[in-house]
Amino acid sequence: MKRFILMTSLIFFSSMTLFSCRESEKETVVREVEVEKVEEKVEPQETEEKKGILERTGERVDNEVNEEIDEEIDRIGDDT
């Protein structure tokens, strides 16, 4: 009797796992949308305000590093 109940429950649970995971049919909807892009003239001061603090700091560090590189190149001189 125990074997019968175990086998029946095993068959039931295995069939539930096999058939419950079937993918249902899905419908894909595609819409076409027209987008207009408007270019606005932005003053340099406004672009600075829109940038984040990391971007501004990164630009300053890049400028300092570039200046140091230029100074080192000038110090070494032209070897050609």
Protein backbone atom coordinates (compact mmCIF):
# COMPACT_ATOMS: atom_id res chain seq x y z
CA MET A 1 0.00 0.00 0.00
CA LYS A 2 2.87 2.38 0.83
CA ARG A 3 4.46 1.67 -2.52
CA PHE A 4 1.22 2.41 -4.32
CA ILE A 5 0.79 5.76 -2.55
CA LEU A 6 4.46 6.70 -3.10
CA MET A 7 4.35 5.76 -6.78
CA THR A 8 1.06 7.60 -7.31
CA SER A 9 2.36 10.74 -5.60
CA LEU A 10 5.64 10.51 -7.53
CA ILE A 11 3.80 10.23 -10.85
CA PHE A 12 1.46 13.07 -9.88
CA PHE A 13 4.27 15.47 -8.90
CA SER A 14 6.43 14.58 -11.88
CA SER A 15 3.51 15.16 -14.26
CA MET A 16 2.77 18.49 -12.59
CA THR A 17 6.35 19.65 -13.04
CA LEU A 18 6.45 18.61 -16.68
CA PHE A 19 3.14 20.09 -17.76
CA SER A 20 2.97 23.18 -15.57
CA CYS A 21 6.15 24.68 -17.07
CA ARG A 22 4.91 24.85 -20.62
CA GLU A 23 5.27 28.22 -22.24
CA SER A 24 2.09 29.82 -23.35
CA GLU A 25 1.85 31.55 -26.68
CA LYS A 26 2.84 35.17 -26.50
CA GLU A 27 1.81 37.92 -28.85
CA THR A 28 4.36 40.54 -29.81
CA VAL A 29 3.09 44.02 -30.50
CA VAL A 30 5.25 46.38 -32.52
CA ARG A 31 4.36 50.04 -32.83
CA GLU A 32 5.92 52.56 -35.14
CA VAL A 33 6.55 55.92 -33.56
CA GLU A 34 7.93 59.05 -35.17
CA VAL A 35 10.23 61.12 -33.00
CA GLU A 36 11.37 64.65 -33.69
CA LYS A 37 14.66 65.71 -32.24
CA VAL A 38 15.07 69.38 -31.55
CA GLU A 39 18.60 70.72 -31.22
CA GLU A 40 18.96 73.57 -28.77
CA LYS A 41 21.91 75.88 -28.51
CA VAL A 42 23.39 75.59 -25.07
CA GLU A 43 25.72 78.09 -23.51
CA PRO A 44 29.02 76.68 -22.15
CA GLN A 45 28.10 77.72 -18.64
CA GLU A 46 24.87 75.68 -18.81
CA THR A 47 26.73 72.56 -19.94
CA GLU A 48 29.04 72.85 -16.93
CA GLU A 49 26.03 72.95 -14.63
CA LYS A 50 24.45 69.91 -16.27
CA LYS A 51 27.55 67.78 -15.82
CA GLY A 52 27.91 65.84 -12.63
CA ILE A 53 30.61 66.49 -10.07
CA LEU A 54 32.50 63.34 -11.12
CA GLU A 55 32.57 64.46 -14.76
CA ARG A 56 33.82 67.95 -13.86
CA THR A 57 36.46 66.56 -11.49
CA GLY A 58 37.53 64.01 -14.09
CA GLU A 59 37.98 66.72 -16.70
CA ARG A 60 40.08 68.81 -14.31
CA VAL A 61 42.28 65.84 -13.43
CA ASP A 62 42.65 64.99 -17.15
CA ASN A 63 43.71 68.56 -17.88
CA GLU A 64 46.28 68.50 -15.06
CA VAL A 65 47.68 65.15 -16.21
CA ASN A 66 47.86 66.38 -19.81
CA GLU A 67 49.75 69.48 -18.67
CA GLU A 68 52.22 67.32 -16.72
CA ILE A 69 52.71 65.08 -19.74
CA ASP A 70 53.29 68.10 -21.98
CA GLU A 71 55.83 69.50 -19.52
CA GLU A 72 57.64 66.16 -19.38
CA ILE A 73 57.71 65.97 -23.18
CA ASP A 74 59.12 69.51 -23.37
CA ARG A 75 61.71 68.65 -20.71
CA ILE A 76 62.86 65.55 -22.56
CA GLY A 77 63.01 67.42 -25.85
CA ASP A 78 62.88 66.32 -29.42
CA ASP A 79 65.18 63.34 -30.09
CA THR A 80 64.70 63.17 -33.85
